[in-house]
Amino acid sequence: MIEKIFVSEVRVRLLKELILSDEEDLHVRELTRRIKTEVNAVRRELDNLESIKLVIRVPRGNKVFYSINRTHTLFPELLGMIGKEYGLGKKLLASYKSLGDVKFITLRRGYIEGVKSKNKKEVDLLMIGKIDIEKAEKLINEEEERSNTQINFSVFDFDELNFRKERKDPFLMGILLTPKVMIVGSEEELTG
């Protein structure tokens, strides 16, 4: 879907690689290899993205490396789009209706970026509604195996969410205050 919004498929693959990469800085040849396209197309798109300061160019010795500018004003929106198009976000978006009466699904922003949680109690995935736990766990387990990462998740029904919000439950407040990407529902409704 995102390829239909952006004109260049190379640009989309390049953004995905820069945003989701474990490595901070990537060389042109490495980017070309990873996204399987021509080096000139990668250079052209890097120049375009650098011109709007979405990509940062870092010369080191006789090589040039590139990284995504995580402070750019468009970064949160791009991360949200990428988070819904790949990995767990894509699976959740495609199958949330089969999980029950789902009101909200959020993914921790750091999870999408591949940043390991510093706090083992930090929640990567929050689901609110009347959720079929067995189906949700199956989907999560499949993604854990595919990505070789543990996904910390919590599920609340709508009444429990409201009860915890009224009581300003520290566990829920921690989740709500953590930067997130909404997969289903709006953040205003979730936090309001």
C-alpha atoms as a PDB file:
ATOM      1  CA  MET A   1       0.000   0.000   0.000  1.00  0.00           C
ATOM      2  CA  ILE A   2       2.745   2.483   0.933  1.00  0.00           C
ATOM      3  CA  GLU A   3       4.333   1.945  -2.515  1.00  0.00           C
ATOM      4  CA  LYS A   4       1.140   3.353  -4.047  1.00  0.00           C
ATOM      5  CA  ILE A   5       1.465   6.575  -2.012  1.00  0.00           C
ATOM      6  CA  PHE A   6       5.144   7.199  -2.685  1.00  0.00           C
ATOM      7  CA  VAL A   7       6.225   7.496  -6.300  1.00  0.00           C
ATOM      8  CA  SER A   8       9.492   5.604  -6.008  1.00  0.00           C
ATOM      9  CA  GLU A   9       9.568   1.990  -4.886  1.00  0.00           C
ATOM     10  CA  VAL A  10      13.325   2.364  -4.367  1.00  0.00           C
ATOM     11  CA  ARG A  11      12.680   5.285  -1.990  1.00  0.00           C
ATOM     12  CA  VAL A  12      10.204   3.195   0.033  1.00  0.00           C
ATOM     13  CA  ARG A  13      12.616   0.265   0.336  1.00  0.00           C
ATOM     14  CA  LEU A  14      15.439   2.654   1.204  1.00  0.00           C
ATOM     15  CA  LEU A  15      13.393   4.360   3.936  1.00  0.00           C
ATOM     16  CA  LYS A  16      12.335   0.990   5.338  1.00  0.00           C
ATOM     17  CA  GLU A  17      15.933  -0.189   5.469  1.00  0.00           C
ATOM     18  CA  LEU A  18      17.226   3.008   7.085  1.00  0.00           C
ATOM     19  CA  ILE A  19      14.412   3.150   9.651  1.00  0.00           C
ATOM     20  CA  LEU A  20      14.366  -0.536  10.608  1.00  0.00           C
ATOM     21  CA  SER A  21      18.084  -1.301  10.316  1.00  0.00           C
ATOM     22  CA  ASP A  22      19.990  -2.515  13.375  1.00  0.00           C
ATOM     23  CA  GLU A  23      22.967  -0.487  12.175  1.00  0.00           C
ATOM     24  CA  GLU A  24      22.936   3.282  12.566  1.00  0.00           C
ATOM     25  CA  ASP A  25      25.037   4.208   9.504  1.00  0.00           C
ATOM     26  CA  LEU A  26      24.978   2.315   6.213  1.00  0.00           C
ATOM     27  CA  HIS A  27      27.253   2.612   3.181  1.00  0.00           C
ATOM     28  CA  VAL A  28      25.729   3.008  -0.308  1.00  0.00           C
ATOM     29  CA  ARG A  29      26.946  -0.428  -1.426  1.00  0.00           C
ATOM     30  CA  GLU A  30      25.417  -2.078   1.659  1.00  0.00           C
ATOM     31  CA  LEU A  31      22.094  -0.305   1.060  1.00  0.00           C
ATOM     32  CA  THR A  32      22.201  -1.348  -2.608  1.00  0.00           C
ATOM     33  CA  ARG A  33      22.802  -4.968  -1.616  1.00  0.00           C
ATOM     34  CA  ARG A  34      20.040  -4.967   1.009  1.00  0.00           C
ATOM     35  CA  ILE A  35      17.324  -3.441  -1.141  1.00  0.00           C
ATOM     36  CA  LYS A  36      18.459  -5.280  -4.292  1.00  0.00           C
ATOM     37  CA  THR A  37      18.558  -2.450  -6.775  1.00  0.00           C
ATOM     38  CA  GLU A  38      21.005  -0.408  -8.841  1.00  0.00           C
ATOM     39  CA  VAL A  39      23.578   1.748  -7.080  1.00  0.00           C
ATOM     40  CA  ASN A  40      22.657   4.831  -9.161  1.00  0.00           C
ATOM     41  CA  ALA A  41      19.001   4.550  -8.119  1.00  0.00           C
ATOM     42  CA  VAL A  42      20.061   4.345  -4.461  1.00  0.00           C
ATOM     43  CA  ARG A  43      22.381   7.354  -4.821  1.00  0.00           C
ATOM     44  CA  ARG A  44      19.642   9.381  -6.530  1.00  0.00           C
ATOM     45  CA  GLU A  45      17.132   8.627  -3.756  1.00  0.00           C
ATOM     46  CA  LEU A  46      19.691   9.301  -1.031  1.00  0.00           C
ATOM     47  CA  ASP A  47      20.371  12.702  -2.628  1.00  0.00           C
ATOM     48  CA  ASN A  48      16.615  13.428  -2.712  1.00  0.00           C
ATOM     49  CA  LEU A  49      16.166  12.446   0.949  1.00  0.00           C
ATOM     50  CA  GLU A  50      19.308  14.318   1.996  1.00  0.00           C
ATOM     51  CA  SER A  51      18.032  17.478   0.272  1.00  0.00           C
ATOM     52  CA  ILE A  52      15.056  17.554   2.676  1.00  0.00           C
ATOM     53  CA  LYS A  53      17.283  16.548   5.615  1.00  0.00           C
ATOM     54  CA  LEU A  54      15.462  13.255   6.178  1.00  0.00           C
ATOM     55  CA  VAL A  55      18.723  11.403   5.598  1.00  0.00           C
ATOM     56  CA  ILE A  56      22.043  12.379   7.146  1.00  0.00           C
ATOM     57  CA  ARG A  57      25.259  11.971   5.134  1.00  0.00           C
ATOM     58  CA  VAL A  58      28.302  11.057   7.244  1.00  0.00           C
ATOM     59  CA  PRO A  59      31.736  10.973   5.526  1.00  0.00           C
ATOM     60  CA  ARG A  60      34.294   8.682   7.191  1.00  0.00           C
ATOM     61  CA  GLY A  61      37.699   8.492   5.595  1.00  0.00           C
ATOM     62  CA  ASN A  62      37.143   7.788   1.919  1.00  0.00           C
ATOM     63  CA  LYS A  63      33.638   6.325   2.445  1.00  0.00           C
ATOM     64  CA  VAL A  64      30.252   7.955   2.923  1.00  0.00           C
ATOM     65  CA  PHE A  65      27.614   6.509   5.244  1.00  0.00           C
ATOM     66  CA  TYR A  66      23.931   7.392   5.560  1.00  0.00           C
ATOM     67  CA  SER A  67      21.439   7.276   8.406  1.00  0.00           C
ATOM     68  CA  ILE A  68      17.856   8.340   8.935  1.00  0.00           C
ATOM     69  CA  ASN A  69      17.340  11.656  10.720  1.00  0.00           C
ATOM     70  CA  ARG A  70      15.252  10.561  13.718  1.00  0.00           C
ATOM     71  CA  THR A  71      14.691  14.189  14.732  1.00  0.00           C
ATOM     72  CA  HIS A  72      13.093  15.152  11.404  1.00  0.00           C
ATOM     73  CA  THR A  73       9.498  16.351  11.747  1.00  0.00           C
ATOM     74  CA  LEU A  74       8.268  13.637   9.352  1.00  0.00           C
ATOM     75  CA  PHE A  75      10.048  10.776  11.129  1.00  0.00           C
ATOM     76  CA  PRO A  76       7.197   9.809  13.527  1.00  0.00           C
ATOM     77  CA  GLU A  77       4.695   9.609  10.661  1.00  0.00           C
ATOM     78  CA  LEU A  78       7.091   7.609   8.469  1.00  0.00           C
ATOM     79  CA  LEU A  79       7.797   5.267  11.378  1.00  0.00           C
ATOM     80  CA  GLY A  80       4.054   4.804  11.861  1.00  0.00           C
ATOM     81  CA  MET A  81       3.569   3.962   8.178  1.00  0.00           C
ATOM     82  CA  ILE A  82       6.524   1.575   8.150  1.00  0.00           C
ATOM     83  CA  GLY A  83       5.302   0.022  11.422  1.00  0.00           C
ATOM     84  CA  LYS A  84       1.934  -0.751   9.828  1.00  0.00           C
ATOM     85  CA  GLU A  85       3.429  -2.100   6.603  1.00  0.00           C
ATOM     86  CA  TYR A  86       6.003  -4.588   7.921  1.00  0.00           C
ATOM     87  CA  GLY A  87       6.455  -7.188  10.638  1.00  0.00           C
ATOM     88  CA  LEU A  88       4.106  -7.455  13.583  1.00  0.00           C
ATOM     89  CA  GLY A  89       2.240  -4.238  12.765  1.00  0.00           C
ATOM     90  CA  LYS A  90       1.310  -5.542   9.316  1.00  0.00           C
ATOM     91  CA  LYS A  91       0.161  -8.890  10.747  1.00  0.00           C
ATOM     92  CA  LEU A  92      -1.928  -7.201  13.427  1.00  0.00           C
ATOM     93  CA  LEU A  93      -3.515  -4.794  10.962  1.00  0.00           C
ATOM     94  CA  ALA A  94      -4.372  -7.640   8.588  1.00  0.00           C
ATOM     95  CA  SER A  95      -5.843  -9.917  11.254  1.00  0.00           C
ATOM     96  CA  TYR A  96      -7.156  -7.774  14.105  1.00  0.00           C
ATOM     97  CA  LYS A  97     -10.806  -8.357  13.129  1.00  0.00           C
ATOM     98  CA  SER A  98     -10.317 -12.107  13.621  1.00  0.00           C
ATOM     99  CA  LEU A  99      -8.959 -11.483  17.150  1.00  0.00           C
ATOM    100  CA  GLY A 100     -12.352 -10.328  18.469  1.00  0.00           C
ATOM    101  CA  ASP A 101     -13.823  -6.909  19.205  1.00  0.00           C
ATOM    102  CA  VAL A 102     -10.579  -4.917  19.114  1.00  0.00           C
ATOM    103  CA  LYS A 103     -10.757  -1.227  20.113  1.00  0.00           C
ATOM    104  CA  PHE A 104      -7.051  -0.347  20.224  1.00  0.00           C
ATOM    105  CA  ILE A 105      -3.700  -1.862  19.301  1.00  0.00           C
ATOM    106  CA  THR A 106      -0.450  -0.018  19.931  1.00  0.00           C
ATOM    107  CA  LEU A 107       3.176  -0.913  19.342  1.00  0.00           C
ATOM    108  CA  ARG A 108       5.971   0.697  21.320  1.00  0.00           C
ATOM    109  CA  ARG A 109       7.866   3.025  18.998  1.00  0.00           C
ATOM    110  CA  GLY A 110      11.192   1.555  20.116  1.00  0.00           C
ATOM    111  CA  TYR A 111       9.976  -1.943  19.275  1.00  0.00           C
ATOM    112  CA  ILE A 112       9.300  -0.913  15.668  1.00  0.00           C
ATOM    113  CA  GLU A 113      12.727   0.749  15.488  1.00  0.00           C
ATOM    114  CA  GLY A 114      14.326  -2.448  16.790  1.00  0.00           C
ATOM    115  CA  VAL A 115      15.415  -0.860  20.077  1.00  0.00           C
ATOM    116  CA  LYS A 116      15.516  -3.449  22.838  1.00  0.00           C
ATOM    117  CA  SER A 117      13.597  -2.471  25.932  1.00  0.00           C
ATOM    118  CA  LYS A 118      15.797  -1.412  28.854  1.00  0.00           C
ATOM    119  CA  ASN A 119      13.030  -2.335  31.262  1.00  0.00           C
ATOM    120  CA  LYS A 120      11.762  -5.928  31.173  1.00  0.00           C
ATOM    121  CA  LYS A 121       8.363  -4.650  32.314  1.00  0.00           C
ATOM    122  CA  GLU A 122       8.053  -2.329  29.322  1.00  0.00           C
ATOM    123  CA  VAL A 123       5.195  -3.360  27.020  1.00  0.00           C
ATOM    124  CA  ASP A 124       5.879  -3.669  23.285  1.00  0.00           C
ATOM    125  CA  LEU A 125       2.279  -4.413  22.321  1.00  0.00           C
ATOM    126  CA  LEU A 126      -0.969  -3.307  23.961  1.00  0.00           C
ATOM    127  CA  MET A 127      -4.344  -4.641  22.850  1.00  0.00           C
ATOM    128  CA  ILE A 128      -7.660  -3.344  24.190  1.00  0.00           C
ATOM    129  CA  GLY A 129     -11.030  -5.009  23.639  1.00  0.00           C
ATOM    130  CA  LYS A 130     -12.638  -8.418  23.845  1.00  0.00           C
ATOM    131  CA  ILE A 131      -9.616 -10.257  22.500  1.00  0.00           C
ATOM    132  CA  ASP A 132      -9.343 -13.969  21.692  1.00  0.00           C
ATOM    133  CA  ILE A 133      -6.156 -14.507  23.705  1.00  0.00           C
ATOM    134  CA  GLU A 134      -5.306 -17.847  22.072  1.00  0.00           C
ATOM    135  CA  LYS A 135      -5.398 -16.354  18.557  1.00  0.00           C
ATOM    136  CA  ALA A 136      -3.434 -13.298  19.701  1.00  0.00           C
ATOM    137  CA  GLU A 137      -0.766 -15.441  21.385  1.00  0.00           C
ATOM    138  CA  LYS A 138      -0.452 -17.618  18.272  1.00  0.00           C
ATOM    139  CA  LEU A 139       0.140 -14.545  16.096  1.00  0.00           C
ATOM    140  CA  ILE A 140       2.639 -13.103  18.604  1.00  0.00           C
ATOM    141  CA  ASN A 141       4.488 -16.424  18.961  1.00  0.00           C
ATOM    142  CA  GLU A 142       4.832 -16.687  15.169  1.00  0.00           C
ATOM    143  CA  GLU A 143       6.317 -13.197  15.024  1.00  0.00           C
ATOM    144  CA  GLU A 144       8.674 -13.930  17.939  1.00  0.00           C
ATOM    145  CA  GLU A 145       9.983 -16.981  16.085  1.00  0.00           C
ATOM    146  CA  ARG A 146      10.294 -15.093  12.790  1.00  0.00           C
ATOM    147  CA  SER A 147      12.082 -12.095  14.301  1.00  0.00           C
ATOM    148  CA  ASN A 148      13.929 -13.970  17.046  1.00  0.00           C
ATOM    149  CA  THR A 149      12.848 -11.372  19.626  1.00  0.00           C
ATOM    150  CA  GLN A 150      10.619 -11.552  22.669  1.00  0.00           C
ATOM    151  CA  ILE A 151       7.467  -9.443  22.494  1.00  0.00           C
ATOM    152  CA  ASN A 152       6.120  -8.204  25.816  1.00  0.00           C
ATOM    153  CA  PHE A 153       2.382  -7.667  25.497  1.00  0.00           C
ATOM    154  CA  SER A 154      -0.650  -6.788  27.587  1.00  0.00           C
ATOM    155  CA  VAL A 155      -4.339  -7.236  26.903  1.00  0.00           C
ATOM    156  CA  PHE A 156      -7.134  -5.346  28.676  1.00  0.00           C
ATOM    157  CA  ASP A 157     -10.845  -5.301  28.071  1.00  0.00           C
ATOM    158  CA  PHE A 158     -12.428  -1.873  27.744  1.00  0.00           C
ATOM    159  CA  ASP A 159     -13.820  -1.844  31.319  1.00  0.00           C
ATOM    160  CA  GLU A 160     -10.410  -2.687  32.793  1.00  0.00           C
ATOM    161  CA  LEU A 161      -8.803   0.062  30.708  1.00  0.00           C
ATOM    162  CA  ASN A 162     -11.267   2.639  32.042  1.00  0.00           C
ATOM    163  CA  PHE A 163     -10.911   1.341  35.618  1.00  0.00           C
ATOM    164  CA  ARG A 164      -7.103   1.586  35.434  1.00  0.00           C
ATOM    165  CA  LYS A 165      -7.268   5.047  33.833  1.00  0.00           C
ATOM    166  CA  GLU A 166      -9.555   6.327  36.616  1.00  0.00           C
ATOM    167  CA  ARG A 167      -7.159   4.975  39.247  1.00  0.00           C
ATOM    168  CA  LYS A 168      -4.122   6.322  37.349  1.00  0.00           C
ATOM    169  CA  ASP A 169      -2.639   2.832  37.497  1.00  0.00           C
ATOM    170  CA  PRO A 170       1.172   3.182  37.246  1.00  0.00           C
ATOM    171  CA  PHE A 171       1.492   0.182  34.915  1.00  0.00           C
ATOM    172  CA  LEU A 172      -1.053   1.570  32.435  1.00  0.00           C
ATOM    173  CA  MET A 173       0.247   5.146  32.755  1.00  0.00           C
ATOM    174  CA  GLY A 174       3.730   3.866  31.883  1.00  0.00           C
ATOM    175  CA  ILE A 175       2.363   2.262  28.711  1.00  0.00           C
ATOM    176  CA  LEU A 176       0.324   5.317  27.750  1.00  0.00           C
ATOM    177  CA  LEU A 177       3.257   7.699  28.272  1.00  0.00           C
ATOM    178  CA  THR A 178       5.685   5.589  26.241  1.00  0.00           C
ATOM    179  CA  PRO A 179       6.081   6.762  22.607  1.00  0.00           C
ATOM    180  CA  LYS A 180       3.909   4.498  20.498  1.00  0.00           C
ATOM    181  CA  VAL A 181       2.457   3.841  17.076  1.00  0.00           C
ATOM    182  CA  MET A 182      -1.276   3.277  16.920  1.00  0.00           C
ATOM    183  CA  ILE A 183      -2.082   0.261  14.754  1.00  0.00           C
ATOM    184  CA  VAL A 184      -5.833   0.291  15.485  1.00  0.00           C
ATOM    185  CA  GLY A 185      -7.762   3.198  17.001  1.00  0.00           C
ATOM    186  CA  SER A 186      -6.635   6.718  17.828  1.00  0.00           C
ATOM    187  CA  GLU A 187      -4.265   7.798  20.556  1.00  0.00           C
ATOM    188  CA  GLU A 188      -6.657  10.585  21.601  1.00  0.00           C
ATOM    189  CA  GLU A 189      -9.425   8.064  22.310  1.00  0.00           C
ATOM    190  CA  LEU A 190      -7.044   5.677  24.073  1.00  0.00           C
ATOM    191  CA  THR A 191      -5.556   8.270  26.408  1.00  0.00           C
ATOM    192  CA  GLY A 192      -8.678  10.448  26.809  1.00  0.00           C
END
